[in-house]
Amino acid sequence: MFDIGFTELLLVALVGLLVLGPERLPGAVRTVGLWVGRIRRMVSSFSEELDRQIKADELRKKLKEEGDTLGLEKIQSTVDEALQEAKQYEHLTEPSTTTKREHD
């Protein structure tokens, strides 16, 4: 992640030992390690979420292309037109209250 060699790491440890002293250096190293771990997990989580979103977008595009080739939009419009037409004649299929009384 950081591309640090052994000599650079040794130099940082030596400077940290001189600046912080032997008592506080282990705590500082532990704190830095915790922060680096959190950052790595956050970057990994972000990367995984980005990959999932990209795959979902690709899947949506494929489904839309397949739907276009199958002519689903035409079928949907035909069904919608048929439903509108059926709603116009819906009052003819419902029995009225007067016809029910006549049959009784």
PDB file of N, CA and C in Angstrom:
ATOM      1  N   MET A   1       0.818  -1.193   0.000  1.00  0.00           N
ATOM      2  CA  MET A   1       0.000   0.000   0.000  1.00  0.00           C
ATOM      3  C   MET A   1       0.861   1.257   0.000  1.00  0.00           C
ATOM      4  N   PHE A   2       1.888   1.285   0.868  1.00  0.00           N
ATOM      5  CA  PHE A   2       2.717   2.475   0.955  1.00  0.00           C
ATOM      6  C   PHE A   2       4.026   2.342   0.202  1.00  0.00           C
ATOM      7  N   ASP A   3       4.394   1.139  -0.209  1.00  0.00           N
ATOM      8  CA  ASP A   3       5.635   0.896  -0.944  1.00  0.00           C
ATOM      9  C   ASP A   3       6.842   1.425  -0.168  1.00  0.00           C
ATOM     10  N   ILE A   4       6.975   0.958   1.079  1.00  0.00           N
ATOM     11  CA  ILE A   4       8.084   1.366   1.944  1.00  0.00           C
ATOM     12  C   ILE A   4       9.036   0.186   2.075  1.00  0.00           C
ATOM     13  N   GLY A   5      10.305   0.445   1.851  1.00  0.00           N
ATOM     14  CA  GLY A   5      11.314  -0.594   1.991  1.00  0.00           C
ATOM     15  C   GLY A   5      11.751  -0.742   3.444  1.00  0.00           C
ATOM     16  N   PHE A   6      12.582  -1.755   3.683  1.00  0.00           N
ATOM     17  CA  PHE A   6      13.032  -2.019   5.050  1.00  0.00           C
ATOM     18  C   PHE A   6      13.882  -0.878   5.597  1.00  0.00           C
ATOM     19  N   THR A   7      14.734  -0.314   4.761  1.00  0.00           N
ATOM     20  CA  THR A   7      15.603   0.767   5.255  1.00  0.00           C
ATOM     21  C   THR A   7      14.787   2.004   5.625  1.00  0.00           C
ATOM     22  N   GLU A   8      13.758   2.324   4.835  1.00  0.00           N
ATOM     23  CA  GLU A   8      12.918   3.472   5.177  1.00  0.00           C
ATOM     24  C   GLU A   8      12.163   3.221   6.478  1.00  0.00           C
ATOM     25  N   LEU A   9      11.673   1.995   6.644  1.00  0.00           N
ATOM     26  CA  LEU A   9      10.958   1.643   7.862  1.00  0.00           C
ATOM     27  C   LEU A   9      11.880   1.713   9.076  1.00  0.00           C
ATOM     28  N   LEU A  10      13.104   1.261   8.932  1.00  0.00           N
ATOM     29  CA  LEU A  10      14.083   1.325  10.012  1.00  0.00           C
ATOM     30  C   LEU A  10      14.406   2.770  10.364  1.00  0.00           C
ATOM     31  N   LEU A  11      14.522   3.632   9.360  1.00  0.00           N
ATOM     32  CA  LEU A  11      14.793   5.047   9.595  1.00  0.00           C
ATOM     33  C   LEU A  11      13.633   5.713  10.338  1.00  0.00           C
ATOM     34  N   VAL A  12      12.399   5.402   9.944  1.00  0.00           N
ATOM     35  CA  VAL A  12      11.224   5.963  10.632  1.00  0.00           C
ATOM     36  C   VAL A  12      11.182   5.483  12.078  1.00  0.00           C
ATOM     37  N   ALA A  13      11.481   4.214  12.317  1.00  0.00           N
ATOM     38  CA  ALA A  13      11.494   3.679  13.674  1.00  0.00           C
ATOM     39  C   ALA A  13      12.565   4.352  14.517  1.00  0.00           C
ATOM     40  N   LEU A  14      13.728   4.598  13.956  1.00  0.00           N
ATOM     41  CA  LEU A  14      14.812   5.259  14.684  1.00  0.00           C
ATOM     42  C   LEU A  14      14.442   6.694  15.036  1.00  0.00           C
ATOM     43  N   VAL A  15      13.871   7.425  14.082  1.00  0.00           N
ATOM     44  CA  VAL A  15      13.443   8.804  14.357  1.00  0.00           C
ATOM     45  C   VAL A  15      12.331   8.800  15.402  1.00  0.00           C
ATOM     46  N   GLY A  16      11.393   7.854  15.293  1.00  0.00           N
ATOM     47  CA  GLY A  16      10.327   7.752  16.290  1.00  0.00           C
ATOM     48  C   GLY A  16      10.871   7.451  17.670  1.00  0.00           C
ATOM     49  N   LEU A  17      11.883   6.607  17.755  1.00  0.00           N
ATOM     50  CA  LEU A  17      12.503   6.287  19.038  1.00  0.00           C
ATOM     51  C   LEU A  17      13.168   7.511  19.637  1.00  0.00           C
ATOM     52  N   LEU A  18      13.833   8.298  18.808  1.00  0.00           N
ATOM     53  CA  LEU A  18      14.492   9.504  19.301  1.00  0.00           C
ATOM     54  C   LEU A  18      13.479  10.574  19.716  1.00  0.00           C
ATOM     55  N   VAL A  19      12.410  10.730  18.953  1.00  0.00           N
ATOM     56  CA  VAL A  19      11.441  11.790  19.242  1.00  0.00           C
ATOM     57  C   VAL A  19      10.518  11.399  20.400  1.00  0.00           C
ATOM     58  N   LEU A  20       9.960  10.208  20.365  1.00  0.00           N
ATOM     59  CA  LEU A  20       8.975   9.808  21.365  1.00  0.00           C
ATOM     60  C   LEU A  20       9.591   9.157  22.599  1.00  0.00           C
ATOM     61  N   GLY A  21      10.685   8.522  22.425  1.00  0.00           N
ATOM     62  CA  GLY A  21      11.305   7.823  23.544  1.00  0.00           C
ATOM     63  C   GLY A  21      10.820   6.390  23.612  1.00  0.00           C
ATOM     64  N   PRO A  22      11.530   5.562  24.380  1.00  0.00           N
ATOM     65  CA  PRO A  22      11.192   4.139  24.434  1.00  0.00           C
ATOM     66  C   PRO A  22       9.865   3.845  25.154  1.00  0.00           C
ATOM     67  N   GLU A  23       9.383   4.757  26.010  1.00  0.00           N
ATOM     68  CA  GLU A  23       8.143   4.499  26.741  1.00  0.00           C
ATOM     69  C   GLU A  23       6.906   4.689  25.857  1.00  0.00           C
ATOM     70  N   ARG A  24       6.914   5.726  25.045  1.00  0.00           N
ATOM     71  CA  ARG A  24       5.728   6.054  24.246  1.00  0.00           C
ATOM     72  C   ARG A  24       5.757   5.462  22.837  1.00  0.00           C
ATOM     73  N   LEU A  25       6.881   4.971  22.386  1.00  0.00           N
ATOM     74  CA  LEU A  25       6.989   4.446  21.024  1.00  0.00           C
ATOM     75  C   LEU A  25       6.073   3.239  20.775  1.00  0.00           C
ATOM     76  N   PRO A  26       5.989   2.243  21.661  1.00  0.00           N
ATOM     77  CA  PRO A  26       5.088   1.107  21.381  1.00  0.00           C
ATOM     78  C   PRO A  26       3.616   1.530  21.251  1.00  0.00           C
ATOM     79  N   GLY A  27       3.170   2.440  22.088  1.00  0.00           N
ATOM     80  CA  GLY A  27       1.787   2.925  21.999  1.00  0.00           C
ATOM     81  C   GLY A  27       1.539   3.681  20.704  1.00  0.00           C
ATOM     82  N   ALA A  28       2.517   4.480  20.286  1.00  0.00           N
ATOM     83  CA  ALA A  28       2.376   5.236  19.040  1.00  0.00           C
ATOM     84  C   ALA A  28       2.346   4.295  17.837  1.00  0.00           C
ATOM     85  N   VAL A  29       3.207   3.269  17.856  1.00  0.00           N
ATOM     86  CA  VAL A  29       3.234   2.303  16.757  1.00  0.00           C
ATOM     87  C   VAL A  29       1.903   1.548  16.696  1.00  0.00           C
ATOM     88  N   ARG A  30       1.378   1.186  17.865  1.00  0.00           N
ATOM     89  CA  ARG A  30       0.086   0.486  17.906  1.00  0.00           C
ATOM     90  C   ARG A  30      -1.027   1.382  17.357  1.00  0.00           C
ATOM     91  N   THR A  31      -1.044   2.641  17.746  1.00  0.00           N
ATOM     92  CA  THR A  31      -2.066   3.572  17.263  1.00  0.00           C
ATOM     93  C   THR A  31      -1.969   3.758  15.753  1.00  0.00           C
ATOM     94  N   VAL A  32      -0.759   3.909  15.252  1.00  0.00           N
ATOM     95  CA  VAL A  32      -0.570   4.060  13.806  1.00  0.00           C
ATOM     96  C   VAL A  32      -1.028   2.793  13.088  1.00  0.00           C
ATOM     97  N   GLY A  33      -0.709   1.637  13.654  1.00  0.00           N
ATOM     98  CA  GLY A  33      -1.140   0.373  13.059  1.00  0.00           C
ATOM     99  C   GLY A  33      -2.659   0.252  13.003  1.00  0.00           C
ATOM    100  N   LEU A  34      -3.333   0.677  14.070  1.00  0.00           N
ATOM    101  CA  LEU A  34      -4.799   0.647  14.082  1.00  0.00           C
ATOM    102  C   LEU A  34      -5.379   1.566  13.009  1.00  0.00           C
ATOM    103  N   TRP A  35      -4.807   2.757  12.885  1.00  0.00           N
ATOM    104  CA  TRP A  35      -5.304   3.701  11.879  1.00  0.00           C
ATOM    105  C   TRP A  35      -5.074   3.183  10.466  1.00  0.00           C
ATOM    106  N   VAL A  36      -3.914   2.582  10.234  1.00  0.00           N
ATOM    107  CA  VAL A  36      -3.626   2.027   8.904  1.00  0.00           C
ATOM    108  C   VAL A  36      -4.600   0.894   8.593  1.00  0.00           C
ATOM    109  N   GLY A  37      -4.898   0.054   9.590  1.00  0.00           N
ATOM    110  CA  GLY A  37      -5.863  -1.027   9.392  1.00  0.00           C
ATOM    111  C   GLY A  37      -7.251  -0.497   9.065  1.00  0.00           C
ATOM    112  N   ARG A  38      -7.670   0.541   9.771  1.00  0.00           N
ATOM    113  CA  ARG A  38      -8.984   1.138   9.498  1.00  0.00           C
ATOM    114  C   ARG A  38      -9.045   1.724   8.095  1.00  0.00           C
ATOM    115  N   ILE A  39      -7.983   2.403   7.705  1.00  0.00           N
ATOM    116  CA  ILE A  39      -7.948   3.003   6.364  1.00  0.00           C
ATOM    117  C   ILE A  39      -7.992   1.911   5.298  1.00  0.00           C
ATOM    118  N   ARG A  40      -7.248   0.836   5.506  1.00  0.00           N
ATOM    119  CA  ARG A  40      -7.255  -0.268   4.534  1.00  0.00           C
ATOM    120  C   ARG A  40      -8.645  -0.888   4.417  1.00  0.00           C
ATOM    121  N   ARG A  41      -9.305  -1.111   5.559  1.00  0.00           N
ATOM    122  CA  ARG A  41     -10.655  -1.679   5.518  1.00  0.00           C
ATOM    123  C   ARG A  41     -11.628  -0.739   4.819  1.00  0.00           C
ATOM    124  N   MET A  42     -11.499   0.562   5.074  1.00  0.00           N
ATOM    125  CA  MET A  42     -12.388   1.525   4.442  1.00  0.00           C
ATOM    126  C   MET A  42     -12.171   1.558   2.931  1.00  0.00           C
ATOM    127  N   VAL A  43     -10.924   1.551   2.502  1.00  0.00           N
ATOM    128  CA  VAL A  43     -10.619   1.551   1.069  1.00  0.00           C
ATOM    129  C   VAL A  43     -11.113   0.259   0.428  1.00  0.00           C
ATOM    130  N   SER A  44     -10.921  -0.860   1.112  1.00  0.00           N
ATOM    131  CA  SER A  44     -11.387  -2.143   0.588  1.00  0.00           C
ATOM    132  C   SER A  44     -12.910  -2.165   0.472  1.00  0.00           C
ATOM    133  N   SER A  45     -13.590  -1.658   1.482  1.00  0.00           N
ATOM    134  CA  SER A  45     -15.055  -1.605   1.454  1.00  0.00           C
ATOM    135  C   SER A  45     -15.544  -0.714   0.318  1.00  0.00           C
ATOM    136  N   PHE A  46     -14.908   0.428   0.148  1.00  0.00           N
ATOM    137  CA  PHE A  46     -15.281   1.346  -0.929  1.00  0.00           C
ATOM    138  C   PHE A  46     -15.064   0.694  -2.291  1.00  0.00           C
ATOM    139  N   SER A  47     -13.950   0.014  -2.439  1.00  0.00           N
ATOM    140  CA  SER A  47     -13.638  -0.648  -3.702  1.00  0.00           C
ATOM    141  C   SER A  47     -14.647  -1.752  -4.011  1.00  0.00           C
ATOM    142  N   GLU A  48     -15.010  -2.552  -3.004  1.00  0.00           N
ATOM    143  CA  GLU A  48     -15.995  -3.613  -3.206  1.00  0.00           C
ATOM    144  C   GLU A  48     -17.354  -3.036  -3.582  1.00  0.00           C
ATOM    145  N   GLU A  49     -17.760  -1.958  -2.922  1.00  0.00           N
ATOM    146  CA  GLU A  49     -19.048  -1.331  -3.235  1.00  0.00           C
ATOM    147  C   GLU A  49     -19.046  -0.768  -4.650  1.00  0.00           C
ATOM    148  N   LEU A  50     -17.935  -0.183  -5.051  1.00  0.00           N
ATOM    149  CA  LEU A  50     -17.817   0.348  -6.406  1.00  0.00           C
ATOM    150  C   LEU A  50     -17.914  -0.781  -7.434  1.00  0.00           C
ATOM    151  N   ASP A  51     -17.266  -1.903  -7.158  1.00  0.00           N
ATOM    152  CA  ASP A  51     -17.354  -3.060  -8.058  1.00  0.00           C
ATOM    153  C   ASP A  51     -18.786  -3.578  -8.161  1.00  0.00           C
ATOM    154  N   ARG A  52     -19.481  -3.632  -7.022  1.00  0.00           N
ATOM    155  CA  ARG A  52     -20.881  -4.087  -7.041  1.00  0.00           C
ATOM    156  C   ARG A  52     -21.753  -3.148  -7.867  1.00  0.00           C
ATOM    157  N   GLN A  53     -21.535  -1.842  -7.731  1.00  0.00           N
ATOM    158  CA  GLN A  53     -22.331  -0.879  -8.488  1.00  0.00           C
ATOM    159  C   GLN A  53     -22.063  -1.000  -9.986  1.00  0.00           C
ATOM    160  N   ILE A  54     -20.803  -1.196 -10.346  1.00  0.00           N
ATOM    161  CA  ILE A  54     -20.454  -1.345 -11.763  1.00  0.00           C
ATOM    162  C   ILE A  54     -21.109  -2.597 -12.331  1.00  0.00           C
ATOM    163  N   LYS A  55     -21.060  -3.702 -11.587  1.00  0.00           N
ATOM    164  CA  LYS A  55     -21.687  -4.937 -12.053  1.00  0.00           C
ATOM    165  C   LYS A  55     -23.199  -4.779 -12.160  1.00  0.00           C
ATOM    166  N   ALA A  56     -23.804  -4.066 -11.216  1.00  0.00           N
ATOM    167  CA  ALA A  56     -25.253  -3.847 -11.268  1.00  0.00           C
ATOM    168  C   ALA A  56     -25.626  -2.993 -12.478  1.00  0.00           C
ATOM    169  N   ASP A  57     -24.824  -1.973 -12.774  1.00  0.00           N
ATOM    170  CA  ASP A  57     -25.091  -1.140 -13.951  1.00  0.00           C
ATOM    171  C   ASP A  57     -24.971  -1.946 -15.241  1.00  0.00           C
ATOM    172  N   GLU A  58     -23.945  -2.798 -15.316  1.00  0.00           N
ATOM    173  CA  GLU A  58     -23.782  -3.642 -16.500  1.00  0.00           C
ATOM    174  C   GLU A  58     -24.972  -4.584 -16.658  1.00  0.00           C
ATOM    175  N   LEU A  59     -25.450  -5.135 -15.548  1.00  0.00           N
ATOM    176  CA  LEU A  59     -26.596  -6.039 -15.595  1.00  0.00           C
ATOM    177  C   LEU A  59     -27.852  -5.299 -16.047  1.00  0.00           C
ATOM    178  N   ARG A  60     -28.047  -4.071 -15.547  1.00  0.00           N
ATOM    179  CA  ARG A  60     -29.202  -3.275 -15.979  1.00  0.00           C
ATOM    180  C   ARG A  60     -29.152  -3.001 -17.474  1.00  0.00           C
ATOM    181  N   LYS A  61     -27.964  -2.674 -17.970  1.00  0.00           N
ATOM    182  CA  LYS A  61     -27.827  -2.403 -19.404  1.00  0.00           C
ATOM    183  C   LYS A  61     -28.147  -3.648 -20.229  1.00  0.00           C
ATOM    184  N   LYS A  62     -27.643  -4.805 -19.781  1.00  0.00           N
ATOM    185  CA  LYS A  62     -27.915  -6.049 -20.504  1.00  0.00           C
ATOM    186  C   LYS A  62     -29.403  -6.371 -20.496  1.00  0.00           C
ATOM    187  N   LEU A  63     -30.046  -6.192 -19.339  1.00  0.00           N
ATOM    188  CA  LEU A  63     -31.480  -6.465 -19.258  1.00  0.00           C
ATOM    189  C   LEU A  63     -32.277  -5.520 -20.143  1.00  0.00           C
ATOM    190  N   LYS A  64     -31.861  -4.257 -20.192  1.00  0.00           N
ATOM    191  CA  LYS A  64     -32.561  -3.298 -21.046  1.00  0.00           C
ATOM    192  C   LYS A  64     -32.384  -3.669 -22.512  1.00  0.00           C
ATOM    193  N   GLU A  65     -31.171  -4.062 -22.897  1.00  0.00           N
ATOM    194  CA  GLU A  65     -30.931  -4.478 -24.279  1.00  0.00           C
ATOM    195  C   GLU A  65     -31.759  -5.710 -24.630  1.00  0.00           C
ATOM    196  N   GLU A  66     -31.813  -6.676 -23.726  1.00  0.00           N
ATOM    197  CA  GLU A  66     -32.607  -7.882 -23.972  1.00  0.00           C
ATOM    198  C   GLU A  66     -34.086  -7.532 -24.069  1.00  0.00           C
ATOM    199  N   GLY A  67     -34.530  -6.630 -23.211  1.00  0.00           N
ATOM    200  CA  GLY A  67     -35.924  -6.214 -23.256  1.00  0.00           C
ATOM    201  C   GLY A  67     -36.254  -5.508 -24.550  1.00  0.00           C
ATOM    202  N   ASP A  68     -35.326  -4.703 -25.041  1.00  0.00           N
ATOM    203  CA  ASP A  68     -35.550  -4.008 -26.304  1.00  0.00           C
ATOM    204  C   ASP A  68     -35.611  -4.989 -27.468  1.00  0.00           C
ATOM    205  N   THR A  69     -34.757  -5.994 -27.430  1.00  0.00           N
ATOM    206  CA  THR A  69     -34.756  -6.948 -28.538  1.00  0.00           C
ATOM    207  C   THR A  69     -36.002  -7.824 -28.517  1.00  0.00           C
ATOM    208  N   LEU A  70     -36.555  -8.057 -27.349  1.00  0.00           N
ATOM    209  CA  LEU A  70     -37.761  -8.873 -27.265  1.00  0.00           C
ATOM    210  C   LEU A  70     -39.020  -8.074 -27.578  1.00  0.00           C
ATOM    211  N   GLY A  71     -38.911  -6.784 -27.633  1.00  0.00           N
ATOM    212  CA  GLY A  71     -40.062  -5.946 -27.942  1.00  0.00           C
ATOM    213  C   GLY A  71     -41.022  -5.812 -26.773  1.00  0.00           C
ATOM    214  N   LEU A  72     -40.470  -5.831 -25.563  1.00  0.00           N
ATOM    215  CA  LEU A  72     -41.324  -5.739 -24.390  1.00  0.00           C
ATOM    216  C   LEU A  72     -42.045  -4.400 -24.312  1.00  0.00           C
ATOM    217  N   GLU A  73     -41.437  -3.374 -24.835  1.00  0.00           N
ATOM    218  CA  GLU A  73     -42.092  -2.067 -24.804  1.00  0.00           C
ATOM    219  C   GLU A  73     -43.357  -2.087 -25.661  1.00  0.00           C
ATOM    220  N   LYS A  74     -43.294  -2.748 -26.805  1.00  0.00           N
ATOM    221  CA  LYS A  74     -44.472  -2.851 -27.668  1.00  0.00           C
ATOM    222  C   LYS A  74     -45.563  -3.665 -26.985  1.00  0.00           C
ATOM    223  N   ILE A  75     -45.161  -4.745 -26.356  1.00  0.00           N
ATOM    224  CA  ILE A  75     -46.129  -5.589 -25.659  1.00  0.00           C
ATOM    225  C   ILE A  75     -46.779  -4.808 -24.525  1.00  0.00           C
ATOM    226  N   GLN A  76     -45.965  -4.054 -23.776  1.00  0.00           N
ATOM    227  CA  GLN A  76     -46.495  -3.268 -22.664  1.00  0.00           C
ATOM    228  C   GLN A  76     -47.483  -2.226 -23.160  1.00  0.00           C
ATOM    229  N   SER A  77     -47.180  -1.558 -24.249  1.00  0.00           N
ATOM    230  CA  SER A  77     -48.102  -0.547 -24.772  1.00  0.00           C
ATOM    231  C   SER A  77     -49.392  -1.196 -25.265  1.00  0.00           C
ATOM    232  N   THR A  78     -49.305  -2.378 -25.872  1.00  0.00           N
ATOM    233  CA  THR A  78     -50.504  -3.089 -26.322  1.00  0.00           C
ATOM    234  C   THR A  78     -51.378  -3.482 -25.138  1.00  0.00           C
ATOM    235  N   VAL A  79     -50.759  -3.963 -24.078  1.00  0.00           N
ATOM    236  CA  VAL A  79     -51.506  -4.340 -22.879  1.00  0.00           C
ATOM    237  C   VAL A  79     -52.161  -3.111 -22.258  1.00  0.00           C
ATOM    238  N   ASP A  80     -51.432  -1.995 -22.196  1.00  0.00           N
ATOM    239  CA  ASP A  80     -51.999  -0.765 -21.644  1.00  0.00           C
ATOM    240  C   ASP A  80     -53.195  -0.290 -22.460  1.00  0.00           C
ATOM    241  N   GLU A  81     -53.094  -0.357 -23.770  1.00  0.00           N
ATOM    242  CA  GLU A  81     -54.216   0.038 -24.627  1.00  0.00           C
ATOM    243  C   GLU A  81     -55.420  -0.868 -24.400  1.00  0.00           C
ATOM    244  N   ALA A  82     -55.176  -2.159 -24.267  1.00  0.00           N
ATOM    245  CA  ALA A  82     -56.277  -3.100 -24.033  1.00  0.00           C
ATOM    246  C   ALA A  82     -56.945  -2.832 -22.690  1.00  0.00           C
ATOM    247  N   LEU A  83     -56.148  -2.489 -21.686  1.00  0.00           N
ATOM    248  CA  LEU A  83     -56.723  -2.173 -20.379  1.00  0.00           C
ATOM    249  C   LEU A  83     -57.570  -0.913 -20.438  1.00  0.00           C
ATOM    250  N   GLN A  84     -57.094   0.096 -21.148  1.00  0.00           N
ATOM    251  CA  GLN A  84     -57.873   1.328 -21.290  1.00  0.00           C
ATOM    252  C   GLN A  84     -59.191   1.049 -22.006  1.00  0.00           C
ATOM    253  N   GLU A  85     -59.140   0.235 -23.016  1.00  0.00           N
ATOM    254  CA  GLU A  85     -60.345  -0.117 -23.760  1.00  0.00           C
ATOM    255  C   GLU A  85     -61.316  -0.899 -22.876  1.00  0.00           C
ATOM    256  N   ALA A  86     -60.782  -1.792 -22.069  1.00  0.00           N
ATOM    257  CA  ALA A  86     -61.631  -2.581 -21.176  1.00  0.00           C
ATOM    258  C   ALA A  86     -62.283  -1.693 -20.124  1.00  0.00           C
ATOM    259  N   LYS A  87     -61.574  -0.672 -19.668  1.00  0.00           N
ATOM    260  CA  LYS A  87     -62.147   0.232 -18.674  1.00  0.00           C
ATOM    261  C   LYS A  87     -63.308   1.028 -19.264  1.00  0.00           C
ATOM    262  N   GLN A  88     -63.270   1.300 -20.544  1.00  0.00           N
ATOM    263  CA  GLN A  88     -64.356   2.036 -21.182  1.00  0.00           C
ATOM    264  C   GLN A  88     -65.642   1.219 -21.171  1.00  0.00           C
ATOM    265  N   TYR A  89     -65.544  -0.085 -21.293  1.00  0.00           N
ATOM    266  CA  TYR A  89     -66.716  -0.953 -21.361  1.00  0.00           C
ATOM    267  C   TYR A  89     -66.995  -1.665 -20.041  1.00  0.00           C
ATOM    268  N   GLU A  90     -66.329  -1.249 -18.988  1.00  0.00           N
ATOM    269  CA  GLU A  90     -66.479  -1.910 -17.693  1.00  0.00           C
ATOM    270  C   GLU A  90     -67.906  -1.784 -17.157  1.00  0.00           C
ATOM    271  N   HIS A  91     -68.547  -0.666 -17.404  1.00  0.00           N
ATOM    272  CA  HIS A  91     -69.903  -0.464 -16.892  1.00  0.00           C
ATOM    273  C   HIS A  91     -70.905  -1.436 -17.520  1.00  0.00           C
ATOM    274  N   LEU A  92     -70.591  -1.980 -18.671  1.00  0.00           N
ATOM    275  CA  LEU A  92     -71.500  -2.927 -19.322  1.00  0.00           C
ATOM    276  C   LEU A  92     -71.460  -4.309 -18.675  1.00  0.00           C
ATOM    277  N   THR A  93     -70.360  -4.646 -18.043  1.00  0.00           N
ATOM    278  CA  THR A  93     -70.221  -5.984 -17.466  1.00  0.00           C
ATOM    279  C   THR A  93     -70.711  -6.060 -16.036  1.00  0.00           C
ATOM    280  N   GLU A  94     -70.845  -4.939 -15.341  1.00  0.00           N
ATOM    281  CA  GLU A  94     -71.307  -4.956 -13.961  1.00  0.00           C
ATOM    282  C   GLU A  94     -72.826  -5.060 -13.938  1.00  0.00           C
ATOM    283  N   PRO A  95     -73.361  -5.984 -13.160  1.00  0.00           N
ATOM    284  CA  PRO A  95     -74.825  -6.085 -13.079  1.00  0.00           C
ATOM    285  C   PRO A  95     -75.395  -4.911 -12.292  1.00  0.00           C
ATOM    286  N   SER A  96     -76.469  -4.383 -12.763  1.00  0.00           N
ATOM    287  CA  SER A  96     -77.096  -3.269 -12.061  1.00  0.00           C
ATOM    288  C   SER A  96     -78.024  -3.811 -10.991  1.00  0.00           C
ATOM    289  N   THR A  97     -78.431  -2.975 -10.078  1.00  0.00           N
ATOM    290  CA  THR A  97     -79.294  -3.409  -8.979  1.00  0.00           C
ATOM    291  C   THR A  97     -80.706  -3.697  -9.471  1.00  0.00           C
ATOM    292  N   THR A  98     -81.144  -3.028 -10.517  1.00  0.00           N
ATOM    293  CA  THR A  98     -82.497  -3.271 -11.025  1.00  0.00           C
ATOM    294  C   THR A  98     -82.597  -4.630 -11.691  1.00  0.00           C
ATOM    295  N   THR A  99     -81.571  -5.065 -12.375  1.00  0.00           N
ATOM    296  CA  THR A  99     -81.637  -6.379 -13.022  1.00  0.00           C
ATOM    297  C   THR A  99     -81.584  -7.492 -11.995  1.00  0.00           C
ATOM    298  N   LYS A 100     -80.905  -7.270 -10.894  1.00  0.00           N
ATOM    299  CA  LYS A 100     -80.868  -8.286  -9.845  1.00  0.00           C
ATOM    300  C   LYS A 100     -82.258  -8.473  -9.243  1.00  0.00           C
ATOM    301  N   ARG A 101     -82.986  -7.384  -9.026  1.00  0.00           N
ATOM    302  CA  ARG A 101     -84.317  -7.473  -8.435  1.00  0.00           C
ATOM    303  C   ARG A 101     -85.290  -8.150  -9.387  1.00  0.00           C
ATOM    304  N   GLU A 102     -85.123  -7.915 -10.662  1.00  0.00           N
ATOM    305  CA  GLU A 102     -86.014  -8.524 -11.639  1.00  0.00           C
ATOM    306  C   GLU A 102     -85.842 -10.037 -11.684  1.00  0.00           C
ATOM    307  N   HIS A 103     -84.607 -10.508 -11.486  1.00  0.00           N
ATOM    308  CA  HIS A 103     -84.345 -11.944 -11.527  1.00  0.00           C
ATOM    309  C   HIS A 103     -84.811 -12.638 -10.259  1.00  0.00           C
ATOM    310  N   ASP A 104     -84.920 -11.925  -9.171  1.00  0.00           N
ATOM    311  CA  ASP A 104     -85.331 -12.534  -7.895  1.00  0.00           C
ATOM    312  C   ASP A 104     -86.784 -12.716  -7.789  1.00  0.00           C
TER     313      ASP A 104
END
